Amino acid sequence: MKRFLFLFILLLPVTHAYTCAVYFTGVGCPHCAKTDPFIFSQVLKKHPDLVIIEYEIYQQQENSVFLMQYADRYGTGLGIPLIIFSNKSIIGDIPILENLEKTLEEVNGSPCPLLDGQVPFEEVEDLPGSPKIWAGDRVLIRTGEKPLGNYKELLFSDLSQLTATEIDPQPVPISGSWITFDHAVQLDGWVLEWRQAGKQTVKNCDQGIQAQSYLILGLVIAFLFILLSYLLRKKKIKNQKMKK
């Protein structure tokens, strides 16, 4: 009887536990510029079973309503950056940078904290708004209304047999920088991007944006110089008239 029980236990399927979190951020938020690269590059690389459901609220303002709904549902604050787990949350750049690793150890295997309840990642069927779903070296970006329902397979399974329309991968903006990918496919209302494991991904703000900033600064300096020259010349002419 004992041998039978032992064999039965060995035949039980092993359930893989993913750790899931919801992350609110904003492209252009200076505090998020500290946590975004940390989470999307370092933390995801270190924790291959971690899933981050991102809601960006500056460029995609339709997502901002969910920040308020999550605050009511899970008792979080309304600021960003904010990361929410099933029974914990961290708000602010310094608290996230200092406490996220320890929190991940405490919430290991926790389900996704959704607005209608806590659901294991592999059972998530749909998400409201315009989220991005990050895991390891992959990201799913919502571009339409239709749910996929196979998020786990797309983010964790072998993609060699994936049948989809290939497109050029686009850098994914995060606050203060970009995340780059090697491959991308167009799905039904979603885009999946992925890259070679271990490849450097975070890049600083686009050089064109930097050049534009320098150009604007140069124009401002030139304008101030012209204005100062005009005022000095006007004062000189006035002094000459007074001497006459």
C-alpha atoms as a PDB file:
ATOM      1  CA  MET A   1       0.000   0.000   0.000  1.00  0.00           C
ATOM      2  CA  LYS A   2       2.820   2.363   0.846  1.00  0.00           C
ATOM      3  CA  ARG A   3       4.510   1.612  -2.487  1.00  0.00           C
ATOM      4  CA  PHE A   4       1.289   2.398  -4.339  1.00  0.00           C
ATOM      5  CA  LEU A   5       0.951   5.751  -2.592  1.00  0.00           C
ATOM      6  CA  PHE A   6       4.579   6.572  -3.314  1.00  0.00           C
ATOM      7  CA  LEU A   7       4.144   5.881  -7.018  1.00  0.00           C
ATOM      8  CA  PHE A   8       0.928   7.881  -7.086  1.00  0.00           C
ATOM      9  CA  ILE A   9       2.662  10.922  -5.663  1.00  0.00           C
ATOM     10  CA  LEU A  10       5.399  10.675  -8.283  1.00  0.00           C
ATOM     11  CA  LEU A  11       2.791  10.701 -11.025  1.00  0.00           C
ATOM     12  CA  LEU A  12       1.149  13.896  -9.820  1.00  0.00           C
ATOM     13  CA  PRO A  13       1.715  16.789 -12.269  1.00  0.00           C
ATOM     14  CA  VAL A  14       4.018  19.523 -11.040  1.00  0.00           C
ATOM     15  CA  THR A  15       2.370  22.941 -11.097  1.00  0.00           C
ATOM     16  CA  HIS A  16       4.727  25.787 -11.982  1.00  0.00           C
ATOM     17  CA  ALA A  17       4.259  28.821  -9.767  1.00  0.00           C
ATOM     18  CA  TYR A  18       4.713  32.231 -11.368  1.00  0.00           C
ATOM     19  CA  THR A  19       5.018  35.387  -9.308  1.00  0.00           C
ATOM     20  CA  CYS A  20       2.764  38.101 -10.701  1.00  0.00           C
ATOM     21  CA  ALA A  21       2.635  41.847 -10.031  1.00  0.00           C
ATOM     22  CA  VAL A  22       0.910  44.946 -11.395  1.00  0.00           C
ATOM     23  CA  TYR A  23       3.175  47.953 -11.954  1.00  0.00           C
ATOM     24  CA  PHE A  24       1.994  51.537 -12.482  1.00  0.00           C
ATOM     25  CA  THR A  25       4.477  53.912 -14.097  1.00  0.00           C
ATOM     26  CA  GLY A  26       4.639  56.921 -16.396  1.00  0.00           C
ATOM     27  CA  VAL A  27       6.988  57.707 -19.272  1.00  0.00           C
ATOM     28  CA  GLY A  28       8.398  61.092 -18.281  1.00  0.00           C
ATOM     29  CA  CYS A  29       8.028  60.564 -14.539  1.00  0.00           C
ATOM     30  CA  PRO A  30      11.482  61.289 -13.006  1.00  0.00           C
ATOM     31  CA  HIS A  31      10.952  58.871 -10.127  1.00  0.00           C
ATOM     32  CA  CYS A  32       9.869  56.138 -12.551  1.00  0.00           C
ATOM     33  CA  ALA A  33      13.068  56.766 -14.541  1.00  0.00           C
ATOM     34  CA  LYS A  34      14.902  55.208 -11.593  1.00  0.00           C
ATOM     35  CA  THR A  35      12.664  52.161 -11.164  1.00  0.00           C
ATOM     36  CA  ASP A  36      11.717  51.315 -14.768  1.00  0.00           C
ATOM     37  CA  PRO A  37      15.211  50.214 -15.917  1.00  0.00           C
ATOM     38  CA  PHE A  38      15.721  48.441 -12.597  1.00  0.00           C
ATOM     39  CA  ILE A  39      12.511  46.416 -12.946  1.00  0.00           C
ATOM     40  CA  PHE A  40      12.399  45.784 -16.696  1.00  0.00           C
ATOM     41  CA  SER A  41      16.072  44.914 -17.057  1.00  0.00           C
ATOM     42  CA  GLN A  42      17.686  43.816 -13.802  1.00  0.00           C
ATOM     43  CA  VAL A  43      14.771  42.329 -11.854  1.00  0.00           C
ATOM     44  CA  LEU A  44      13.143  40.461 -14.751  1.00  0.00           C
ATOM     45  CA  LYS A  45      16.525  39.054 -15.742  1.00  0.00           C
ATOM     46  CA  LYS A  46      17.190  37.830 -12.210  1.00  0.00           C
ATOM     47  CA  HIS A  47      13.694  36.372 -11.711  1.00  0.00           C
ATOM     48  CA  PRO A  48      12.706  34.351 -14.824  1.00  0.00           C
ATOM     49  CA  ASP A  49       9.363  33.311 -13.290  1.00  0.00           C
ATOM     50  CA  LEU A  50       8.274  36.883 -12.566  1.00  0.00           C
ATOM     51  CA  VAL A  51       5.426  38.431 -14.576  1.00  0.00           C
ATOM     52  CA  ILE A  52       4.915  42.212 -14.567  1.00  0.00           C
ATOM     53  CA  ILE A  53       1.618  43.651 -15.814  1.00  0.00           C
ATOM     54  CA  GLU A  54       2.496  47.261 -16.609  1.00  0.00           C
ATOM     55  CA  TYR A  55       0.037  50.145 -16.769  1.00  0.00           C
ATOM     56  CA  GLU A  56       1.686  53.305 -18.124  1.00  0.00           C
ATOM     57  CA  ILE A  57      -0.476  56.342 -17.295  1.00  0.00           C
ATOM     58  CA  TYR A  58       1.262  59.389 -18.836  1.00  0.00           C
ATOM     59  CA  GLN A  59       1.293  58.424 -22.515  1.00  0.00           C
ATOM     60  CA  GLN A  60      -1.757  56.155 -22.149  1.00  0.00           C
ATOM     61  CA  GLN A  61      -4.017  58.199 -19.930  1.00  0.00           C
ATOM     62  CA  GLU A  62      -6.883  55.714 -20.244  1.00  0.00           C
ATOM     63  CA  ASN A  63      -4.893  53.557 -17.819  1.00  0.00           C
ATOM     64  CA  SER A  64      -4.982  56.198 -15.072  1.00  0.00           C
ATOM     65  CA  VAL A  65      -8.494  55.171 -14.009  1.00  0.00           C
ATOM     66  CA  PHE A  66      -7.123  51.770 -12.997  1.00  0.00           C
ATOM     67  CA  LEU A  67      -4.684  53.412 -10.593  1.00  0.00           C
ATOM     68  CA  MET A  68      -7.651  54.742  -8.621  1.00  0.00           C
ATOM     69  CA  GLN A  69      -9.493  51.429  -8.844  1.00  0.00           C
ATOM     70  CA  TYR A  70      -6.460  49.520  -7.591  1.00  0.00           C
ATOM     71  CA  ALA A  71      -6.083  52.012  -4.741  1.00  0.00           C
ATOM     72  CA  ASP A  72      -9.648  51.206  -3.668  1.00  0.00           C
ATOM     73  CA  ARG A  73      -9.296  47.456  -4.207  1.00  0.00           C
ATOM     74  CA  TYR A  74      -5.875  46.887  -2.629  1.00  0.00           C
ATOM     75  CA  GLY A  75      -5.465  49.915  -0.364  1.00  0.00           C
ATOM     76  CA  THR A  76      -2.478  51.388  -2.189  1.00  0.00           C
ATOM     77  CA  GLY A  77      -1.589  55.037  -2.669  1.00  0.00           C
ATOM     78  CA  LEU A  78      -2.226  57.002  -5.845  1.00  0.00           C
ATOM     79  CA  GLY A  79       1.386  57.871  -6.657  1.00  0.00           C
ATOM     80  CA  ILE A  80       3.813  56.333  -9.123  1.00  0.00           C
ATOM     81  CA  PRO A  81       5.926  54.307  -9.385  1.00  0.00           C
ATOM     82  CA  LEU A  82       3.761  51.713  -7.683  1.00  0.00           C
ATOM     83  CA  ILE A  83       4.098  47.925  -7.727  1.00  0.00           C
ATOM     84  CA  ILE A  84       1.306  45.740  -6.359  1.00  0.00           C
ATOM     85  CA  PHE A  85       1.379  42.084  -5.330  1.00  0.00           C
ATOM     86  CA  SER A  86      -1.480  39.960  -4.012  1.00  0.00           C
ATOM     87  CA  ASN A  87      -0.943  41.017  -0.397  1.00  0.00           C
ATOM     88  CA  LYS A  88       1.738  43.716  -0.552  1.00  0.00           C
ATOM     89  CA  SER A  89       2.510  46.921  -2.409  1.00  0.00           C
ATOM     90  CA  ILE A  90       5.453  49.311  -2.659  1.00  0.00           C
ATOM     91  CA  ILE A  91       5.138  52.945  -3.725  1.00  0.00           C
ATOM     92  CA  GLY A  92       7.949  55.366  -4.552  1.00  0.00           C
ATOM     93  CA  ASP A  93      11.319  55.019  -6.252  1.00  0.00           C
ATOM     94  CA  ILE A  94      13.551  54.597  -3.197  1.00  0.00           C
ATOM     95  CA  PRO A  95      11.237  52.085  -1.428  1.00  0.00           C
ATOM     96  CA  ILE A  96      11.032  50.009  -4.620  1.00  0.00           C
ATOM     97  CA  LEU A  97      14.781  50.084  -5.223  1.00  0.00           C
ATOM     98  CA  GLU A  98      15.535  49.152  -1.623  1.00  0.00           C
ATOM     99  CA  ASN A  99      12.754  46.656  -0.861  1.00  0.00           C
ATOM    100  CA  LEU A 100      11.643  44.933  -4.060  1.00  0.00           C
ATOM    101  CA  GLU A 101      14.109  42.038  -3.922  1.00  0.00           C
ATOM    102  CA  LYS A 102      13.171  41.200  -0.344  1.00  0.00           C
ATOM    103  CA  THR A 103       9.474  41.493  -1.172  1.00  0.00           C
ATOM    104  CA  LEU A 104       9.855  39.095  -4.103  1.00  0.00           C
ATOM    105  CA  GLU A 105      11.210  36.478  -1.721  1.00  0.00           C
ATOM    106  CA  GLU A 106       8.195  36.962   0.555  1.00  0.00           C
ATOM    107  CA  VAL A 107       5.556  36.799  -2.197  1.00  0.00           C
ATOM    108  CA  ASN A 108       7.140  34.045  -4.283  1.00  0.00           C
ATOM    109  CA  GLY A 109       4.477  32.278  -6.347  1.00  0.00           C
ATOM    110  CA  SER A 110       1.760  34.841  -5.605  1.00  0.00           C
ATOM    111  CA  PRO A 111      -1.131  35.214  -8.093  1.00  0.00           C
ATOM    112  CA  CYS A 112      -1.915  38.247 -10.222  1.00  0.00           C
ATOM    113  CA  PRO A 113      -3.663  41.004  -8.236  1.00  0.00           C
ATOM    114  CA  LEU A 114      -6.496  41.821 -10.624  1.00  0.00           C
ATOM    115  CA  LEU A 115      -9.397  44.175 -10.007  1.00  0.00           C
ATOM    116  CA  ASP A 116     -11.886  41.310  -9.869  1.00  0.00           C
ATOM    117  CA  GLY A 117      -9.751  39.110  -7.622  1.00  0.00           C
ATOM    118  CA  GLN A 118      -6.458  37.273  -7.396  1.00  0.00           C
ATOM    119  CA  VAL A 119      -5.826  34.880 -10.270  1.00  0.00           C
ATOM    120  CA  PRO A 120      -2.824  32.622 -11.005  1.00  0.00           C
ATOM    121  CA  PHE A 121      -1.021  33.961 -14.050  1.00  0.00           C
ATOM    122  CA  GLU A 122      -1.660  30.844 -16.132  1.00  0.00           C
ATOM    123  CA  GLU A 123      -5.417  31.340 -15.619  1.00  0.00           C
ATOM    124  CA  VAL A 124      -5.561  35.020 -16.636  1.00  0.00           C
ATOM    125  CA  GLU A 125      -7.967  35.373 -19.563  1.00  0.00           C
ATOM    126  CA  ASP A 126      -8.258  39.113 -20.126  1.00  0.00           C
ATOM    127  CA  LEU A 127      -6.974  42.424 -18.801  1.00  0.00           C
ATOM    128  CA  PRO A 128      -8.619  45.857 -18.932  1.00  0.00           C
ATOM    129  CA  GLY A 129      -7.112  48.937 -20.528  1.00  0.00           C
ATOM    130  CA  SER A 130      -3.843  49.027 -22.454  1.00  0.00           C
ATOM    131  CA  PRO A 131      -1.360  46.929 -20.496  1.00  0.00           C
ATOM    132  CA  LYS A 132       2.029  45.502 -21.329  1.00  0.00           C
ATOM    133  CA  ILE A 133       2.896  42.079 -19.916  1.00  0.00           C
ATOM    134  CA  TRP A 134       6.587  41.531 -19.243  1.00  0.00           C
ATOM    135  CA  ALA A 135       8.420  38.288 -18.476  1.00  0.00           C
ATOM    136  CA  GLY A 136      12.111  37.544 -18.922  1.00  0.00           C
ATOM    137  CA  ASP A 137      13.205  38.668 -22.393  1.00  0.00           C
ATOM    138  CA  ARG A 138       9.670  39.073 -23.765  1.00  0.00           C
ATOM    139  CA  VAL A 139       6.875  41.612 -23.679  1.00  0.00           C
ATOM    140  CA  LEU A 140       3.264  41.512 -24.877  1.00  0.00           C
ATOM    141  CA  ILE A 141       1.860  44.901 -25.866  1.00  0.00           C
ATOM    142  CA  ARG A 142      -1.859  45.416 -26.280  1.00  0.00           C
ATOM    143  CA  THR A 143      -2.804  47.212 -29.498  1.00  0.00           C
ATOM    144  CA  GLY A 144      -6.463  46.206 -29.869  1.00  0.00           C
ATOM    145  CA  GLU A 145      -9.506  45.065 -27.948  1.00  0.00           C
ATOM    146  CA  LYS A 146      -9.434  41.282 -28.288  1.00  0.00           C
ATOM    147  CA  PRO A 147      -7.991  39.200 -25.390  1.00  0.00           C
ATOM    148  CA  LEU A 148      -5.427  36.538 -26.239  1.00  0.00           C
ATOM    149  CA  GLY A 149      -6.017  34.046 -23.454  1.00  0.00           C
ATOM    150  CA  ASN A 150      -2.681  32.260 -24.016  1.00  0.00           C
ATOM    151  CA  TYR A 151      -0.350  34.701 -22.299  1.00  0.00           C
ATOM    152  CA  LYS A 152       1.612  31.939 -20.563  1.00  0.00           C
ATOM    153  CA  GLU A 153       2.444  30.125 -23.806  1.00  0.00           C
ATOM    154  CA  LEU A 154       3.558  33.311 -25.545  1.00  0.00           C
ATOM    155  CA  LEU A 155       5.740  34.498 -22.671  1.00  0.00           C
ATOM    156  CA  PHE A 156       7.254  31.202 -21.511  1.00  0.00           C
ATOM    157  CA  SER A 157       7.005  28.593 -24.278  1.00  0.00           C
ATOM    158  CA  ASP A 158       9.243  27.831 -27.254  1.00  0.00           C
ATOM    159  CA  LEU A 159       8.423  30.284 -30.053  1.00  0.00           C
ATOM    160  CA  SER A 160      10.040  28.343 -32.887  1.00  0.00           C
ATOM    161  CA  GLN A 161       6.660  26.972 -33.998  1.00  0.00           C
ATOM    162  CA  LEU A 162       4.751  30.225 -33.535  1.00  0.00           C
ATOM    163  CA  THR A 163       2.658  31.120 -36.577  1.00  0.00           C
ATOM    164  CA  ALA A 164       2.180  34.885 -36.819  1.00  0.00           C
ATOM    165  CA  THR A 165       3.004  37.874 -38.997  1.00  0.00           C
ATOM    166  CA  GLU A 166       6.556  39.063 -38.452  1.00  0.00           C
ATOM    167  CA  ILE A 167       7.062  42.808 -38.057  1.00  0.00           C
ATOM    168  CA  ASP A 168      10.019  45.042 -37.277  1.00  0.00           C
ATOM    169  CA  PRO A 169      10.672  45.191 -33.527  1.00  0.00           C
ATOM    170  CA  GLN A 170      10.190  48.654 -32.072  1.00  0.00           C
ATOM    171  CA  PRO A 171      11.974  50.014 -28.989  1.00  0.00           C
ATOM    172  CA  VAL A 172       9.559  49.995 -26.064  1.00  0.00           C
ATOM    173  CA  PRO A 173       9.673  53.331 -24.216  1.00  0.00           C
ATOM    174  CA  ILE A 174      10.126  53.346 -20.473  1.00  0.00           C
ATOM    175  CA  SER A 175      10.704  56.397 -18.331  1.00  0.00           C
ATOM    176  CA  GLY A 176      14.095  57.872 -19.207  1.00  0.00           C
ATOM    177  CA  SER A 177      15.150  55.180 -21.676  1.00  0.00           C
ATOM    178  CA  TRP A 178      14.106  52.409 -24.057  1.00  0.00           C
ATOM    179  CA  ILE A 179      14.001  48.618 -24.039  1.00  0.00           C
ATOM    180  CA  THR A 180      15.086  47.072 -27.343  1.00  0.00           C
ATOM    181  CA  PHE A 181      14.192  43.701 -28.854  1.00  0.00           C
ATOM    182  CA  ASP A 182      15.386  41.522 -31.746  1.00  0.00           C
ATOM    183  CA  HIS A 183      12.109  40.009 -32.959  1.00  0.00           C
ATOM    184  CA  ALA A 184       8.423  40.917 -33.099  1.00  0.00           C
ATOM    185  CA  VAL A 185       5.171  39.448 -34.399  1.00  0.00           C
ATOM    186  CA  GLN A 186       1.721  40.910 -34.854  1.00  0.00           C
ATOM    187  CA  LEU A 187      -0.990  38.940 -33.103  1.00  0.00           C
ATOM    188  CA  ASP A 188      -4.732  39.557 -32.923  1.00  0.00           C
ATOM    189  CA  GLY A 189      -4.815  42.870 -31.054  1.00  0.00           C
ATOM    190  CA  TRP A 190      -1.374  42.386 -29.498  1.00  0.00           C
ATOM    191  CA  VAL A 191       2.303  42.619 -30.398  1.00  0.00           C
ATOM    192  CA  LEU A 192       4.837  40.164 -29.002  1.00  0.00           C
ATOM    193  CA  GLU A 193       8.477  41.268 -28.886  1.00  0.00           C
ATOM    194  CA  TRP A 194      11.422  39.220 -27.666  1.00  0.00           C
ATOM    195  CA  ARG A 195      15.204  39.138 -27.790  1.00  0.00           C
ATOM    196  CA  GLN A 196      18.147  36.834 -27.329  1.00  0.00           C
ATOM    197  CA  ALA A 197      18.521  35.861 -23.686  1.00  0.00           C
ATOM    198  CA  GLY A 198      21.098  37.889 -21.790  1.00  0.00           C
ATOM    199  CA  LYS A 199      21.447  40.604 -24.424  1.00  0.00           C
ATOM    200  CA  GLN A 200      21.872  44.213 -23.282  1.00  0.00           C
ATOM    201  CA  THR A 201      18.519  45.942 -23.620  1.00  0.00           C
ATOM    202  CA  VAL A 202      18.308  49.310 -21.864  1.00  0.00           C
ATOM    203  CA  LYS A 203      19.340  52.314 -23.930  1.00  0.00           C
ATOM    204  CA  ASN A 204      19.340  55.971 -23.001  1.00  0.00           C
ATOM    205  CA  CYS A 205      16.864  58.398 -24.489  1.00  0.00           C
ATOM    206  CA  ASP A 206      16.987  58.538 -28.265  1.00  0.00           C
ATOM    207  CA  GLN A 207      19.825  60.680 -29.607  1.00  0.00           C
ATOM    208  CA  GLY A 208      17.368  62.560 -31.765  1.00  0.00           C
ATOM    209  CA  ILE A 209      15.484  63.664 -28.674  1.00  0.00           C
ATOM    210  CA  GLN A 210      18.743  64.738 -27.054  1.00  0.00           C
ATOM    211  CA  ALA A 211      19.755  66.646 -30.179  1.00  0.00           C
ATOM    212  CA  GLN A 212      16.385  68.359 -30.234  1.00  0.00           C
ATOM    213  CA  SER A 213      16.838  69.383 -26.602  1.00  0.00           C
ATOM    214  CA  TYR A 214      20.284  70.796 -27.343  1.00  0.00           C
ATOM    215  CA  LEU A 215      18.898  72.657 -30.359  1.00  0.00           C
ATOM    216  CA  ILE A 216      16.163  74.251 -28.273  1.00  0.00           C
ATOM    217  CA  LEU A 217      18.703  75.197 -25.609  1.00  0.00           C
ATOM    218  CA  GLY A 218      20.948  76.701 -28.280  1.00  0.00           C
ATOM    219  CA  LEU A 219      18.080  78.736 -29.709  1.00  0.00           C
ATOM    220  CA  VAL A 220      17.191  80.042 -26.251  1.00  0.00           C
ATOM    221  CA  ILE A 221      20.803  81.071 -25.612  1.00  0.00           C
ATOM    222  CA  ALA A 222      21.017  82.725 -29.042  1.00  0.00           C
ATOM    223  CA  PHE A 223      17.772  84.605 -28.409  1.00  0.00           C
ATOM    224  CA  LEU A 224      19.015  85.841 -25.032  1.00  0.00           C
ATOM    225  CA  PHE A 225      22.305  86.932 -26.604  1.00  0.00           C
ATOM    226  CA  ILE A 226      20.495  88.871 -29.341  1.00  0.00           C
ATOM    227  CA  LEU A 227      18.178  90.447 -26.787  1.00  0.00           C
ATOM    228  CA  LEU A 228      21.111  91.463 -24.587  1.00  0.00           C
ATOM    229  CA  SER A 229      22.975  92.921 -27.571  1.00  0.00           C
ATOM    230  CA  TYR A 230      19.891  94.892 -28.573  1.00  0.00           C
ATOM    231  CA  LEU A 231      19.435  96.305 -25.077  1.00  0.00           C
ATOM    232  CA  LEU A 232      23.117  97.261 -24.804  1.00  0.00           C
ATOM    233  CA  ARG A 233      23.035  98.948 -28.196  1.00  0.00           C
ATOM    234  CA  LYS A 234      19.860 100.795 -27.283  1.00  0.00           C
ATOM    235  CA  LYS A 235      21.454 101.989 -24.044  1.00  0.00           C
ATOM    236  CA  LYS A 236      24.576 103.129 -25.912  1.00  0.00           C
ATOM    237  CA  ILE A 237      22.519 105.154 -28.397  1.00  0.00           C
ATOM    238  CA  LYS A 238      20.576 106.725 -25.547  1.00  0.00           C
ATOM    239  CA  ASN A 239      23.801 107.735 -23.784  1.00  0.00           C
ATOM    240  CA  GLN A 240      25.174 109.266 -26.978  1.00  0.00           C
ATOM    241  CA  LYS A 241      22.028 111.372 -27.401  1.00  0.00           C
ATOM    242  CA  MET A 242      22.268 112.588 -23.816  1.00  0.00           C
ATOM    243  CA  LYS A 243      25.869 113.738 -24.375  1.00  0.00           C
ATOM    244  CA  LYS A 244      24.812 115.785 -27.392  1.00  0.00           C
END
